[in-house]
């Protein structure tokens, strides 16, 4: 066998920052398995139905059914955005961050949480 040693000119495989859909599905199922109140599922349903939301808008919608704080919802959205990578954040001209479900993960999220 004639093996070539790695040189600095050889291509190096780069691991993508976005996990594949199987990993996302596993992480999402695990995350939702610890949802005792149903609030995590409701946050994801709101993203499915509304697409783009700020933390303040999420809090206002969730307060009708749950006892929530701005910080708790901001933390929840941060976990969903960073650990699972299924949310995209954009900043408005007023400096407010809006979050939306990435198009490539809509089917997975709908399949797991359903739509109301």
N, C-alpha and C. Protein backbone atom coordinates (compact mmCIF):
# COMPACT_ATOMS: atom_id res chain seq x y z
N UNK A 1 0.83 -1.17 0.00
CA UNK A 1 0.00 0.00 0.00
C UNK A 1 0.88 1.24 0.00
N UNK A 2 0.60 2.15 -0.88
CA UNK A 2 1.41 3.35 -1.00
C UNK A 2 0.65 4.52 -0.39
N UNK A 3 0.95 4.84 0.86
CA UNK A 3 0.25 5.93 1.54
C UNK A 3 1.08 7.19 1.49
N UNK A 4 0.42 8.28 1.32
CA UNK A 4 1.08 9.57 1.26
C UNK A 4 0.95 10.26 2.62
N UNK A 5 1.99 10.89 3.05
CA UNK A 5 1.94 11.62 4.31
C UNK A 5 1.19 12.93 4.10
N UNK A 6 0.53 13.41 5.15
CA UNK A 6 -0.23 14.66 5.10
C UNK A 6 0.74 15.84 5.04
N UNK A 7 0.51 16.69 4.06
CA UNK A 7 1.31 17.92 3.95
C UNK A 7 0.39 19.10 4.13
N UNK A 8 0.95 20.25 4.32
CA UNK A 8 0.14 21.45 4.55
C UNK A 8 -0.67 21.82 3.33
N UNK A 9 -0.32 21.30 2.15
CA UNK A 9 -1.08 21.60 0.94
C UNK A 9 -2.27 20.67 0.72
N UNK A 10 -2.32 19.57 1.47
CA UNK A 10 -3.43 18.64 1.35
C UNK A 10 -4.70 19.28 1.90
N UNK A 11 -5.85 18.99 1.28
CA UNK A 11 -7.11 19.54 1.83
C UNK A 11 -7.40 18.95 3.20
N UNK A 12 -7.94 19.75 4.06
CA UNK A 12 -8.31 19.32 5.40
C UNK A 12 -9.82 19.39 5.49
N UNK A 13 -10.43 18.32 6.01
CA UNK A 13 -11.87 18.30 6.16
C UNK A 13 -12.26 19.21 7.30
N UNK A 14 -13.23 20.06 7.06
CA UNK A 14 -13.73 20.97 8.07
C UNK A 14 -15.09 20.47 8.52
N UNK A 15 -15.28 20.38 9.82
CA UNK A 15 -16.56 19.94 10.35
C UNK A 15 -17.51 21.13 10.32
N UNK A 16 -18.67 20.92 9.77
CA UNK A 16 -19.68 21.97 9.65
C UNK A 16 -20.17 22.40 11.02
N UNK A 17 -20.45 23.67 11.17
CA UNK A 17 -20.98 24.20 12.42
C UNK A 17 -22.43 23.79 12.63
N UNK A 18 -23.13 23.48 11.57
CA UNK A 18 -24.54 23.12 11.67
C UNK A 18 -24.66 21.60 11.71
N UNK A 19 -25.24 21.09 12.79
CA UNK A 19 -25.38 19.64 12.88
C UNK A 19 -26.36 19.12 11.84
N UNK A 20 -26.18 17.87 11.48
CA UNK A 20 -27.10 17.29 10.50
C UNK A 20 -28.46 17.08 11.15
N UNK A 21 -29.43 16.79 10.34
CA UNK A 21 -30.81 16.72 10.84
C UNK A 21 -31.02 15.60 11.86
N UNK A 22 -30.29 14.50 11.75
CA UNK A 22 -30.42 13.42 12.74
C UNK A 22 -29.99 13.86 14.12
N UNK A 23 -28.92 14.61 14.19
CA UNK A 23 -28.45 15.12 15.47
C UNK A 23 -29.44 16.15 16.01
N UNK A 24 -29.93 17.01 15.15
CA UNK A 24 -30.90 18.02 15.57
C UNK A 24 -32.14 17.34 16.14
N UNK A 25 -32.63 16.32 15.44
CA UNK A 25 -33.82 15.62 15.90
C UNK A 25 -33.60 14.98 17.26
N UNK A 26 -32.45 14.34 17.47
CA UNK A 26 -32.14 13.72 18.76
C UNK A 26 -32.07 14.77 19.86
N UNK A 27 -31.38 15.87 19.59
CA UNK A 27 -31.25 16.93 20.60
C UNK A 27 -32.60 17.55 20.93
N UNK A 28 -33.42 17.74 19.91
CA UNK A 28 -34.74 18.33 20.13
C UNK A 28 -35.62 17.39 20.94
N UNK A 29 -35.61 16.12 20.62
CA UNK A 29 -36.40 15.15 21.39
C UNK A 29 -35.94 15.09 22.84
N UNK A 30 -34.65 15.10 23.05
CA UNK A 30 -34.09 15.09 24.41
C UNK A 30 -34.48 16.35 25.18
N UNK A 31 -34.38 17.48 24.52
CA UNK A 31 -34.74 18.76 25.13
C UNK A 31 -36.22 18.78 25.52
N UNK A 32 -37.07 18.28 24.65
CA UNK A 32 -38.50 18.27 24.93
C UNK A 32 -38.91 17.21 25.93
N UNK A 33 -38.09 16.18 26.11
CA UNK A 33 -38.42 15.14 27.09
C UNK A 33 -38.36 15.69 28.52
N UNK A 34 -37.67 16.80 28.70
CA UNK A 34 -37.57 17.43 30.02
C UNK A 34 -38.56 18.59 30.18
N UNK A 35 -39.53 18.68 29.28
CA UNK A 35 -40.52 19.76 29.29
C UNK A 35 -41.71 19.35 30.14
N UNK A 36 -41.70 19.70 31.42
CA UNK A 36 -42.76 19.28 32.33
C UNK A 36 -44.02 20.13 32.20
N UNK A 37 -43.87 21.39 31.81
CA UNK A 37 -45.02 22.30 31.77
C UNK A 37 -45.62 22.46 30.38
N UNK A 38 -44.88 22.07 29.36
CA UNK A 38 -45.33 22.25 27.99
C UNK A 38 -44.88 23.57 27.37
N UNK A 39 -44.14 24.36 28.12
CA UNK A 39 -43.72 25.67 27.62
C UNK A 39 -42.73 25.58 26.47
N UNK A 40 -41.84 24.60 26.51
CA UNK A 40 -40.86 24.45 25.42
C UNK A 40 -41.56 24.11 24.11
N UNK A 41 -42.52 23.21 24.19
CA UNK A 41 -43.29 22.86 22.98
C UNK A 41 -44.06 24.07 22.47
N UNK A 42 -44.61 24.86 23.38
CA UNK A 42 -45.38 26.03 22.98
C UNK A 42 -44.47 27.07 22.31
N UNK A 43 -43.27 27.25 22.81
CA UNK A 43 -42.32 28.18 22.18
C UNK A 43 -42.04 27.74 20.74
N UNK A 44 -41.80 26.46 20.55
CA UNK A 44 -41.53 25.96 19.21
C UNK A 44 -42.76 26.08 18.31
N UNK A 45 -43.96 25.82 18.86
CA UNK A 45 -45.19 26.00 18.07
C UNK A 45 -45.36 27.45 17.63
N UNK A 46 -45.03 28.38 18.53
CA UNK A 46 -45.13 29.80 18.18
C UNK A 46 -44.19 30.14 17.03
N UNK A 47 -42.99 29.56 17.05
CA UNK A 47 -42.06 29.81 15.95
C UNK A 47 -42.56 29.20 14.64
N UNK A 48 -43.23 28.06 14.72
CA UNK A 48 -43.79 27.44 13.51
C UNK A 48 -44.91 28.33 12.95
N UNK A 49 -45.79 28.79 13.81
CA UNK A 49 -46.96 29.54 13.38
C UNK A 49 -46.67 31.00 13.03
N UNK A 50 -45.72 31.61 13.72
CA UNK A 50 -45.49 33.04 13.56
C UNK A 50 -44.23 33.34 12.77
N UNK A 51 -43.32 32.39 12.71
CA UNK A 51 -42.04 32.50 12.00
C UNK A 51 -41.04 33.43 12.69
N UNK A 52 -41.29 34.73 12.76
CA UNK A 52 -40.31 35.67 13.30
C UNK A 52 -40.87 36.34 14.56
N UNK A 53 -40.13 36.19 15.68
CA UNK A 53 -40.58 36.74 16.96
C UNK A 53 -39.41 37.32 17.74
N UNK A 54 -39.69 38.36 18.49
CA UNK A 54 -38.70 38.88 19.44
C UNK A 54 -38.97 38.20 20.78
N UNK A 55 -38.05 38.33 21.72
CA UNK A 55 -38.24 37.75 23.05
C UNK A 55 -39.47 38.39 23.71
N UNK A 56 -39.62 39.72 23.57
CA UNK A 56 -40.76 40.41 24.18
C UNK A 56 -42.08 39.90 23.61
N UNK A 57 -42.13 39.65 22.31
CA UNK A 57 -43.35 39.12 21.70
C UNK A 57 -43.65 37.71 22.21
N UNK A 58 -42.60 36.89 22.34
CA UNK A 58 -42.78 35.54 22.88
C UNK A 58 -43.32 35.60 24.30
N UNK A 59 -42.74 36.46 25.13
CA UNK A 59 -43.17 36.57 26.52
C UNK A 59 -44.64 36.99 26.58
N UNK A 60 -45.02 37.96 25.77
CA UNK A 60 -46.42 38.42 25.77
C UNK A 60 -47.37 37.30 25.37
N UNK A 61 -47.02 36.51 24.38
CA UNK A 61 -47.88 35.41 23.94
C UNK A 61 -47.93 34.29 25.00
N UNK A 62 -46.79 34.01 25.64
CA UNK A 62 -46.73 32.92 26.61
C UNK A 62 -47.41 33.27 27.93
N UNK A 63 -47.43 34.55 28.28
CA UNK A 63 -48.03 34.96 29.56
C UNK A 63 -49.52 34.67 29.64
N UNK A 64 -50.16 34.45 28.52
CA UNK A 64 -51.59 34.12 28.54
C UNK A 64 -51.83 32.72 29.10
N UNK A 65 -50.81 31.84 29.03
CA UNK A 65 -50.97 30.45 29.49
C UNK A 65 -49.98 30.01 30.55
N UNK A 66 -48.84 30.74 30.67
CA UNK A 66 -47.78 30.33 31.58
C UNK A 66 -47.31 31.51 32.43
N UNK A 67 -46.68 31.20 33.55
CA UNK A 67 -46.02 32.22 34.34
C UNK A 67 -44.57 32.24 33.88
N UNK A 68 -44.17 33.31 33.20
CA UNK A 68 -42.83 33.38 32.62
C UNK A 68 -42.18 34.72 32.91
N UNK A 69 -40.86 34.74 32.79
CA UNK A 69 -40.11 35.99 32.88
C UNK A 69 -39.36 36.19 31.57
N UNK A 70 -39.01 37.42 31.31
CA UNK A 70 -38.26 37.75 30.10
C UNK A 70 -36.95 36.96 30.07
N UNK A 71 -36.25 36.93 31.22
CA UNK A 71 -34.95 36.24 31.29
C UNK A 71 -35.08 34.75 31.03
N UNK A 72 -36.12 34.13 31.55
CA UNK A 72 -36.31 32.69 31.35
C UNK A 72 -36.54 32.37 29.87
N UNK A 73 -37.35 33.18 29.21
CA UNK A 73 -37.64 32.94 27.80
C UNK A 73 -36.42 33.25 26.95
N UNK A 74 -35.69 34.30 27.29
CA UNK A 74 -34.46 34.63 26.56
C UNK A 74 -33.45 33.49 26.68
N UNK A 75 -33.35 32.91 27.84
CA UNK A 75 -32.45 31.78 28.05
C UNK A 75 -32.90 30.57 27.24
N UNK A 76 -34.19 30.30 27.23
CA UNK A 76 -34.73 29.17 26.47
C UNK A 76 -34.46 29.33 24.97
N UNK A 77 -34.71 30.52 24.46
CA UNK A 77 -34.47 30.79 23.04
C UNK A 77 -32.98 30.68 22.73
N UNK A 78 -32.13 31.15 23.64
CA UNK A 78 -30.68 31.04 23.44
C UNK A 78 -30.22 29.60 23.35
N UNK A 79 -30.78 28.74 24.19
CA UNK A 79 -30.44 27.31 24.15
C UNK A 79 -30.89 26.69 22.83
N UNK A 80 -32.11 27.01 22.43
CA UNK A 80 -32.64 26.46 21.18
C UNK A 80 -31.80 26.94 19.99
N UNK A 81 -31.41 28.20 20.03
CA UNK A 81 -30.63 28.76 18.92
C UNK A 81 -29.20 28.24 18.89
N UNK A 82 -28.56 28.14 20.05
CA UNK A 82 -27.14 27.78 20.05
C UNK A 82 -26.88 26.28 20.11
N UNK A 83 -27.55 25.56 20.96
CA UNK A 83 -27.28 24.12 21.10
C UNK A 83 -27.86 23.29 19.98
N UNK A 84 -29.05 23.69 19.53
CA UNK A 84 -29.68 22.93 18.45
C UNK A 84 -29.45 23.57 17.10
N UNK A 85 -29.23 24.86 17.08
CA UNK A 85 -28.94 25.55 15.83
C UNK A 85 -30.11 25.66 14.89
N UNK A 86 -31.34 25.63 15.42
CA UNK A 86 -32.51 25.64 14.54
C UNK A 86 -33.14 27.02 14.40
N UNK A 87 -32.62 28.01 15.14
CA UNK A 87 -33.13 29.37 15.04
C UNK A 87 -32.10 30.29 14.42
N UNK A 88 -32.60 31.28 13.71
CA UNK A 88 -31.75 32.30 13.11
C UNK A 88 -32.10 33.63 13.77
N UNK A 89 -31.10 34.39 14.19
CA UNK A 89 -31.33 35.68 14.83
C UNK A 89 -31.00 36.82 13.87
N UNK A 90 -31.88 37.82 13.81
CA UNK A 90 -31.63 39.02 13.03
C UNK A 90 -31.89 40.22 13.93
N UNK A 91 -31.19 41.29 13.67
CA UNK A 91 -31.36 42.50 14.46
C UNK A 91 -32.13 43.54 13.65
N UNK A 92 -33.15 44.10 14.25
CA UNK A 92 -33.94 45.13 13.58
C UNK A 92 -33.22 46.47 13.68
N UNK A 93 -33.73 47.46 12.97
CA UNK A 93 -33.11 48.79 13.01
C UNK A 93 -33.18 49.40 14.41
N UNK A 94 -34.14 48.96 15.21
CA UNK A 94 -34.26 49.44 16.59
C UNK A 94 -33.36 48.70 17.56
N UNK A 95 -32.59 47.75 17.08
CA UNK A 95 -31.67 47.00 17.93
C UNK A 95 -32.27 45.78 18.60
N UNK A 96 -33.51 45.45 18.26
CA UNK A 96 -34.18 44.29 18.84
C UNK A 96 -33.85 43.06 18.01
N UNK A 97 -33.54 41.96 18.70
CA UNK A 97 -33.29 40.71 17.99
C UNK A 97 -34.60 40.00 17.71
N UNK A 98 -34.78 39.59 16.49
CA UNK A 98 -35.90 38.73 16.10
C UNK A 98 -35.34 37.36 15.79
N UNK A 99 -36.06 36.34 16.19
CA UNK A 99 -35.64 34.97 15.96
C UNK A 99 -36.66 34.29 15.06
N UNK A 100 -36.15 33.43 14.19
CA UNK A 100 -37.05 32.66 13.35
C UNK A 100 -36.49 31.26 13.15
N UNK A 101 -37.40 30.33 12.92
CA UNK A 101 -37.03 28.95 12.69
C UNK A 101 -36.39 28.83 11.31
N UNK A 102 -35.23 28.21 11.25
CA UNK A 102 -34.57 28.02 9.95
C UNK A 102 -35.42 27.10 9.09
N UNK A 103 -35.54 27.47 7.84
CA UNK A 103 -36.41 26.76 6.90
C UNK A 103 -36.09 25.27 6.82
N UNK A 104 -34.81 24.92 6.85
CA UNK A 104 -34.44 23.51 6.69
C UNK A 104 -34.84 22.63 7.87
N UNK A 105 -35.21 23.25 9.02
CA UNK A 105 -35.60 22.48 10.20
C UNK A 105 -37.10 22.53 10.49
N UNK A 106 -37.87 23.24 9.69
CA UNK A 106 -39.31 23.36 9.93
C UNK A 106 -39.98 22.00 9.94
N UNK A 107 -39.68 21.15 8.97
CA UNK A 107 -40.30 19.83 8.90
C UNK A 107 -40.02 18.97 10.11
N UNK A 108 -38.80 19.02 10.60
CA UNK A 108 -38.42 18.23 11.78
C UNK A 108 -39.19 18.71 13.00
N UNK A 109 -39.23 20.03 13.19
CA UNK A 109 -39.91 20.59 14.36
C UNK A 109 -41.41 20.31 14.28
N UNK A 110 -42.01 20.48 13.12
CA UNK A 110 -43.44 20.20 12.95
C UNK A 110 -43.71 18.73 13.26
N UNK A 111 -42.85 17.85 12.78
CA UNK A 111 -43.03 16.42 13.02
C UNK A 111 -42.96 16.04 14.49
N UNK A 112 -42.16 16.77 15.25
CA UNK A 112 -41.97 16.44 16.66
C UNK A 112 -43.00 17.12 17.55
N UNK A 113 -43.25 18.41 17.35
CA UNK A 113 -44.16 19.13 18.24
C UNK A 113 -45.57 19.27 17.69
N UNK A 114 -45.75 19.07 16.40
CA UNK A 114 -47.07 19.25 15.80
C UNK A 114 -47.40 20.72 15.63
N UNK A 115 -48.53 21.00 15.02
CA UNK A 115 -48.95 22.37 14.78
C UNK A 115 -50.37 22.52 15.26
N UNK A 116 -50.64 23.62 15.97
CA UNK A 116 -52.01 23.92 16.44
C UNK A 116 -52.55 25.08 15.66
